[in-house]
Amino acid sequence: STLKELSLCHNGITDQGIEHLVRMLESNETLTSLWLGSNKITDQGLELLCQVLMQKNKTLQVLSLEWNKFRNDASVTILVDMLKKNQSLTTLNLENCKLPRSGVEELKLVTKTKKIFELFIN
C-alpha cells in the first residue's frame, strides 16, 4: 500500500520541519492530501512548500495550512504564483493565517480561473 493522505496537524512543525517534508514531496507520486494546520509554519516554510508545488510535485490535491502564521505580502505573491502554475491542487485551506486583506482578495481572484477549486480563507 502507498501513502495517499498525511495529517500532521498540531505537531509543532516549524519551517525546519517543512524542509524535510519538501524533500519528500519532490519525489512522492502518491500523496494527494496533506494537512498541516495549527503548526508553527511561517512565510519561509510556505515559500518552500509553494516552490515544490510549482516545480516538482504533480499529485497533491488538498493542502490544509489553517492556523499558521503567514503575514507578509510575499506570501500572497508566492501563493498566487503557485496556484497559477500548479495543475493538481484543488483545495487550499488558509483560514486564520493572518494574510493581508488585499492578498485575500487576490487569492480569491486567481482561484476563479481554475475549473474546480475550493479556497477556504478569511
N, C-alpha and C. Protein backbone atom coordinates (compact mmCIF):
# COMPACT_ATOMS: atom_id res chain seq x y z
N SER A 1 0.84 -1.19 0.00
CA SER A 1 0.00 0.00 0.00
C SER A 1 0.88 1.25 0.00
N THR A 2 0.33 2.33 -0.50
CA THR A 2 1.08 3.58 -0.57
C THR A 2 0.33 4.67 0.19
N LEU A 3 1.07 5.61 0.72
CA LEU A 3 0.51 6.70 1.49
C LEU A 3 -0.16 7.71 0.57
N LYS A 4 -1.45 7.96 0.80
CA LYS A 4 -2.20 8.92 -0.01
C LYS A 4 -2.58 10.16 0.77
N GLU A 5 -2.75 10.02 2.07
CA GLU A 5 -3.16 11.14 2.92
C GLU A 5 -2.26 11.19 4.14
N LEU A 6 -1.87 12.42 4.52
CA LEU A 6 -0.98 12.60 5.67
C LEU A 6 -1.46 13.79 6.48
N SER A 7 -1.79 13.55 7.74
CA SER A 7 -2.22 14.61 8.64
C SER A 7 -1.16 14.83 9.71
N LEU A 8 -0.61 16.03 9.73
CA LEU A 8 0.40 16.40 10.71
C LEU A 8 -0.02 17.65 11.48
N CYS A 9 -1.31 17.82 11.64
CA CYS A 9 -1.84 18.98 12.37
C CYS A 9 -1.44 18.91 13.84
N HIS A 10 -1.28 20.09 14.45
CA HIS A 10 -0.99 20.19 15.89
C HIS A 10 0.28 19.43 16.29
N ASN A 11 1.32 19.50 15.48
CA ASN A 11 2.56 18.79 15.78
C ASN A 11 3.74 19.71 16.04
N GLY A 12 3.51 21.01 16.08
CA GLY A 12 4.61 21.94 16.34
C GLY A 12 5.61 22.02 15.21
N ILE A 13 5.19 21.68 14.00
CA ILE A 13 6.10 21.69 12.85
C ILE A 13 6.52 23.12 12.52
N THR A 14 7.81 23.31 12.37
CA THR A 14 8.38 24.62 12.05
C THR A 14 8.85 24.63 10.60
N ASP A 15 9.44 25.73 10.19
CA ASP A 15 9.98 25.81 8.83
C ASP A 15 11.06 24.76 8.60
N GLN A 16 11.80 24.41 9.63
CA GLN A 16 12.81 23.36 9.51
C GLN A 16 12.15 22.02 9.19
N GLY A 17 11.04 21.74 9.82
CA GLY A 17 10.29 20.52 9.52
C GLY A 17 9.76 20.52 8.10
N ILE A 18 9.37 21.70 7.62
CA ILE A 18 8.87 21.82 6.25
C ILE A 18 9.97 21.47 5.26
N GLU A 19 11.22 21.80 5.58
CA GLU A 19 12.33 21.44 4.69
C GLU A 19 12.35 19.93 4.46
N HIS A 20 12.11 19.15 5.49
CA HIS A 20 12.08 17.69 5.36
C HIS A 20 10.87 17.23 4.54
N LEU A 21 9.73 17.82 4.80
CA LEU A 21 8.52 17.48 4.03
C LEU A 21 8.69 17.79 2.55
N VAL A 22 9.33 18.91 2.26
CA VAL A 22 9.54 19.32 0.87
C VAL A 22 10.39 18.29 0.13
N ARG A 23 11.41 17.77 0.80
CA ARG A 23 12.25 16.75 0.17
C ARG A 23 11.42 15.51 -0.18
N MET A 24 10.49 15.15 0.70
CA MET A 24 9.61 14.02 0.44
C MET A 24 8.67 14.34 -0.74
N LEU A 25 8.12 15.55 -0.74
CA LEU A 25 7.17 15.93 -1.80
C LEU A 25 7.82 16.01 -3.18
N GLU A 26 9.12 16.27 -3.22
CA GLU A 26 9.82 16.36 -4.50
C GLU A 26 9.74 15.06 -5.29
N SER A 27 9.75 13.95 -4.60
CA SER A 27 9.76 12.66 -5.31
C SER A 27 8.49 11.84 -5.11
N ASN A 28 7.62 12.26 -4.21
CA ASN A 28 6.42 11.49 -3.92
C ASN A 28 5.42 11.58 -5.07
N GLU A 29 4.89 10.44 -5.46
CA GLU A 29 3.93 10.39 -6.57
C GLU A 29 2.59 9.81 -6.15
N THR A 30 2.36 9.67 -4.84
CA THR A 30 1.11 9.07 -4.39
C THR A 30 0.31 9.96 -3.44
N LEU A 31 0.96 10.84 -2.71
CA LEU A 31 0.27 11.66 -1.72
C LEU A 31 -0.68 12.64 -2.39
N THR A 32 -1.95 12.60 -2.00
CA THR A 32 -2.94 13.50 -2.58
C THR A 32 -3.46 14.53 -1.58
N SER A 33 -3.32 14.27 -0.28
CA SER A 33 -3.82 15.20 0.74
C SER A 33 -2.79 15.38 1.84
N LEU A 34 -2.54 16.64 2.19
CA LEU A 34 -1.58 16.97 3.24
C LEU A 34 -2.19 18.03 4.16
N TRP A 35 -2.36 17.67 5.42
CA TRP A 35 -2.92 18.58 6.41
C TRP A 35 -1.81 19.03 7.36
N LEU A 36 -1.56 20.34 7.38
CA LEU A 36 -0.51 20.91 8.21
C LEU A 36 -1.04 22.03 9.11
N GLY A 37 -2.30 21.99 9.42
CA GLY A 37 -2.92 23.04 10.22
C GLY A 37 -2.40 23.10 11.64
N SER A 38 -2.47 24.30 12.22
CA SER A 38 -2.12 24.54 13.63
C SER A 38 -0.71 24.10 13.97
N ASN A 39 0.24 24.48 13.12
CA ASN A 39 1.65 24.25 13.40
C ASN A 39 2.34 25.59 13.57
N LYS A 40 3.64 25.64 13.38
CA LYS A 40 4.41 26.87 13.55
C LYS A 40 5.11 27.25 12.25
N ILE A 41 4.41 27.06 11.15
CA ILE A 41 4.95 27.34 9.83
C ILE A 41 4.80 28.83 9.56
N THR A 42 5.87 29.45 9.07
CA THR A 42 5.84 30.89 8.78
C THR A 42 5.95 31.11 7.27
N ASP A 43 6.12 32.36 6.90
CA ASP A 43 6.24 32.72 5.49
C ASP A 43 7.36 31.94 4.79
N GLN A 44 8.45 31.71 5.51
CA GLN A 44 9.59 30.99 4.93
C GLN A 44 9.22 29.54 4.58
N GLY A 45 8.54 28.86 5.47
CA GLY A 45 8.11 27.49 5.19
C GLY A 45 7.08 27.43 4.08
N LEU A 46 6.20 28.43 4.05
CA LEU A 46 5.19 28.50 2.99
C LEU A 46 5.87 28.62 1.63
N GLU A 47 6.90 29.44 1.55
CA GLU A 47 7.62 29.60 0.28
C GLU A 47 8.22 28.28 -0.18
N LEU A 48 8.80 27.52 0.73
CA LEU A 48 9.37 26.22 0.37
C LEU A 48 8.29 25.28 -0.17
N LEU A 49 7.15 25.24 0.50
CA LEU A 49 6.04 24.39 0.05
C LEU A 49 5.56 24.80 -1.34
N CYS A 50 5.39 26.09 -1.54
CA CYS A 50 4.90 26.58 -2.83
C CYS A 50 5.88 26.28 -3.95
N GLN A 51 7.17 26.42 -3.67
CA GLN A 51 8.18 26.13 -4.69
C GLN A 51 8.08 24.69 -5.17
N VAL A 52 7.96 23.75 -4.23
CA VAL A 52 7.89 22.34 -4.63
C VAL A 52 6.59 22.06 -5.37
N LEU A 53 5.51 22.74 -5.00
CA LEU A 53 4.24 22.52 -5.69
C LEU A 53 4.22 23.16 -7.08
N MET A 54 5.07 24.14 -7.30
CA MET A 54 5.18 24.75 -8.63
C MET A 54 6.08 23.94 -9.55
N GLN A 55 7.12 23.34 -8.98
CA GLN A 55 8.17 22.76 -9.81
C GLN A 55 8.19 21.24 -9.87
N LYS A 56 7.89 20.56 -8.78
CA LYS A 56 8.13 19.12 -8.75
C LYS A 56 6.88 18.27 -8.54
N ASN A 57 6.12 18.57 -7.50
CA ASN A 57 5.01 17.69 -7.12
C ASN A 57 3.82 17.88 -8.04
N LYS A 58 3.29 16.78 -8.55
CA LYS A 58 2.17 16.82 -9.50
C LYS A 58 0.96 16.04 -9.02
N THR A 59 0.96 15.58 -7.76
CA THR A 59 -0.13 14.73 -7.29
C THR A 59 -0.96 15.33 -6.15
N LEU A 60 -0.40 16.27 -5.40
CA LEU A 60 -1.12 16.80 -4.25
C LEU A 60 -2.37 17.57 -4.69
N GLN A 61 -3.50 17.20 -4.12
CA GLN A 61 -4.78 17.84 -4.46
C GLN A 61 -5.32 18.70 -3.32
N VAL A 62 -5.07 18.29 -2.09
CA VAL A 62 -5.59 19.01 -0.92
C VAL A 62 -4.41 19.44 -0.05
N LEU A 63 -4.35 20.74 0.24
CA LEU A 63 -3.33 21.28 1.14
C LEU A 63 -4.02 22.15 2.18
N SER A 64 -3.89 21.75 3.43
CA SER A 64 -4.54 22.47 4.52
C SER A 64 -3.47 23.10 5.41
N LEU A 65 -3.49 24.43 5.48
CA LEU A 65 -2.48 25.18 6.22
C LEU A 65 -3.09 26.11 7.27
N GLU A 66 -4.34 25.88 7.64
CA GLU A 66 -5.02 26.80 8.55
C GLU A 66 -4.28 26.95 9.88
N TRP A 67 -4.45 28.13 10.48
CA TRP A 67 -3.87 28.46 11.78
C TRP A 67 -2.35 28.43 11.79
N ASN A 68 -1.71 28.78 10.68
CA ASN A 68 -0.28 29.02 10.67
C ASN A 68 -0.09 30.53 10.53
N LYS A 69 1.15 31.01 10.45
CA LYS A 69 1.40 32.45 10.51
C LYS A 69 2.06 32.97 9.23
N PHE A 70 1.23 33.29 8.26
CA PHE A 70 1.72 33.86 7.00
C PHE A 70 1.27 35.31 6.97
N ARG A 71 2.18 36.22 7.22
CA ARG A 71 1.75 37.59 7.45
C ARG A 71 2.20 38.60 6.41
N ASN A 72 3.10 38.24 5.50
CA ASN A 72 3.58 39.30 4.62
C ASN A 72 3.08 39.16 3.19
N ASP A 73 3.23 40.23 2.45
CA ASP A 73 2.76 40.27 1.06
C ASP A 73 3.47 39.26 0.18
N ALA A 74 4.72 38.94 0.51
CA ALA A 74 5.47 37.96 -0.28
C ALA A 74 4.78 36.59 -0.23
N SER A 75 4.15 36.28 0.88
CA SER A 75 3.42 35.00 0.99
C SER A 75 2.26 34.96 0.02
N VAL A 76 1.57 36.08 -0.10
CA VAL A 76 0.45 36.15 -1.05
C VAL A 76 0.98 35.96 -2.47
N THR A 77 2.06 36.63 -2.79
CA THR A 77 2.64 36.54 -4.14
C THR A 77 3.02 35.11 -4.48
N ILE A 78 3.69 34.41 -3.56
CA ILE A 78 4.12 33.04 -3.85
C ILE A 78 2.92 32.10 -3.93
N LEU A 79 1.89 32.34 -3.12
CA LEU A 79 0.67 31.53 -3.21
C LEU A 79 -0.02 31.72 -4.56
N VAL A 80 -0.11 32.97 -5.01
CA VAL A 80 -0.74 33.26 -6.30
C VAL A 80 0.05 32.60 -7.42
N ASP A 81 1.37 32.72 -7.39
CA ASP A 81 2.22 32.09 -8.42
C ASP A 81 2.03 30.58 -8.42
N MET A 82 2.01 29.98 -7.23
CA MET A 82 1.84 28.54 -7.13
C MET A 82 0.49 28.11 -7.70
N LEU A 83 -0.56 28.85 -7.36
CA LEU A 83 -1.89 28.49 -7.84
C LEU A 83 -2.00 28.61 -9.36
N LYS A 84 -1.28 29.55 -9.94
CA LYS A 84 -1.30 29.71 -11.40
C LYS A 84 -0.56 28.57 -12.09
N LYS A 85 0.51 28.07 -11.47
CA LYS A 85 1.35 27.06 -12.12
C LYS A 85 0.98 25.63 -11.78
N ASN A 86 0.49 25.39 -10.59
CA ASN A 86 0.17 24.03 -10.16
C ASN A 86 -1.16 23.59 -10.76
N GLN A 87 -1.16 22.40 -11.37
CA GLN A 87 -2.36 21.89 -12.02
C GLN A 87 -3.11 20.84 -11.20
N SER A 88 -2.50 20.32 -10.15
CA SER A 88 -3.13 19.23 -9.41
C SER A 88 -3.94 19.69 -8.20
N LEU A 89 -3.56 20.78 -7.58
CA LEU A 89 -4.21 21.23 -6.35
C LEU A 89 -5.65 21.67 -6.62
N THR A 90 -6.58 21.14 -5.83
CA THR A 90 -8.00 21.51 -5.98
C THR A 90 -8.58 22.14 -4.71
N THR A 91 -7.90 21.99 -3.58
CA THR A 91 -8.39 22.53 -2.32
C THR A 91 -7.23 23.12 -1.53
N LEU A 92 -7.42 24.35 -1.05
CA LEU A 92 -6.41 25.03 -0.25
C LEU A 92 -7.10 25.69 0.94
N ASN A 93 -6.67 25.34 2.14
CA ASN A 93 -7.25 25.93 3.34
C ASN A 93 -6.22 26.87 3.98
N LEU A 94 -6.57 28.15 4.02
CA LEU A 94 -5.71 29.18 4.61
C LEU A 94 -6.45 29.94 5.72
N GLU A 95 -7.44 29.32 6.31
CA GLU A 95 -8.21 30.00 7.35
C GLU A 95 -7.34 30.37 8.54
N ASN A 96 -7.57 31.57 9.06
CA ASN A 96 -6.89 32.06 10.26
C ASN A 96 -5.37 32.10 10.14
N CYS A 97 -4.88 32.43 8.96
CA CYS A 97 -3.43 32.55 8.74
C CYS A 97 -2.95 33.99 8.78
N LYS A 98 -3.85 34.93 9.02
CA LYS A 98 -3.49 36.35 9.16
C LYS A 98 -2.89 36.95 7.90
N LEU A 99 -3.31 36.46 6.74
CA LEU A 99 -2.84 37.05 5.48
C LEU A 99 -3.37 38.46 5.34
N PRO A 100 -2.61 39.35 4.67
CA PRO A 100 -3.09 40.71 4.44
C PRO A 100 -4.42 40.69 3.68
N ARG A 101 -5.35 41.56 4.04
CA ARG A 101 -6.69 41.61 3.44
C ARG A 101 -6.61 41.73 1.92
N SER A 102 -5.72 42.57 1.41
CA SER A 102 -5.59 42.71 -0.05
C SER A 102 -5.18 41.39 -0.70
N GLY A 103 -4.38 40.62 0.00
CA GLY A 103 -3.95 39.33 -0.50
C GLY A 103 -5.07 38.32 -0.58
N VAL A 104 -5.98 38.41 0.37
CA VAL A 104 -7.13 37.51 0.38
C VAL A 104 -7.94 37.70 -0.90
N GLU A 105 -8.16 38.94 -1.27
CA GLU A 105 -8.92 39.23 -2.50
C GLU A 105 -8.18 38.73 -3.73
N GLU A 106 -6.86 38.91 -3.75
CA GLU A 106 -6.05 38.45 -4.88
C GLU A 106 -6.12 36.93 -5.02
N LEU A 107 -6.07 36.22 -3.91
CA LEU A 107 -6.17 34.76 -3.94
C LEU A 107 -7.53 34.30 -4.43
N LYS A 108 -8.57 34.99 -4.01
CA LYS A 108 -9.91 34.64 -4.47
C LYS A 108 -10.03 34.81 -5.98
N LEU A 109 -9.42 35.86 -6.50
CA LEU A 109 -9.47 36.10 -7.95
C LEU A 109 -8.76 35.00 -8.74
N VAL A 110 -7.57 34.61 -8.30
CA VAL A 110 -6.81 33.61 -9.06
C VAL A 110 -7.50 32.25 -9.01
N THR A 111 -8.17 31.93 -7.92
CA THR A 111 -8.83 30.63 -7.86
C THR A 111 -10.06 30.58 -8.76
N LYS A 112 -10.61 31.71 -9.09
CA LYS A 112 -11.76 31.74 -10.01
C LYS A 112 -11.37 31.32 -11.42
N THR A 113 -10.09 31.37 -11.75
CA THR A 113 -9.63 30.98 -13.08
C THR A 113 -9.47 29.46 -13.20
N LYS A 114 -9.56 28.76 -12.09
CA LYS A 114 -9.42 27.30 -12.11
C LYS A 114 -10.79 26.66 -12.26
N LYS A 115 -10.85 25.54 -12.96
CA LYS A 115 -12.14 24.88 -13.22
C LYS A 115 -12.79 24.39 -11.94
N ILE A 116 -12.06 23.64 -11.16
CA ILE A 116 -12.59 23.11 -9.90
C ILE A 116 -11.61 23.50 -8.81
N PHE A 117 -12.07 24.35 -7.88
CA PHE A 117 -11.16 24.75 -6.82
C PHE A 117 -11.94 25.22 -5.61
N GLU A 118 -11.51 24.77 -4.42
CA GLU A 118 -12.09 25.22 -3.16
C GLU A 118 -11.01 25.96 -2.39
N LEU A 119 -11.32 27.21 -2.05
CA LEU A 119 -10.41 28.02 -1.24
C LEU A 119 -11.11 28.36 0.06
N PHE A 120 -10.49 28.01 1.16
CA PHE A 120 -11.02 28.36 2.48
C PHE A 120 -10.09 29.42 3.06
N ILE A 121 -10.64 30.61 3.26
CA ILE A 121 -9.82 31.74 3.70
C ILE A 121 -10.71 32.74 4.42
N ASN A 122 -10.11 33.47 5.35
CA ASN A 122 -10.86 34.55 6.00
C ASN A 122 -9.94 35.67 6.37
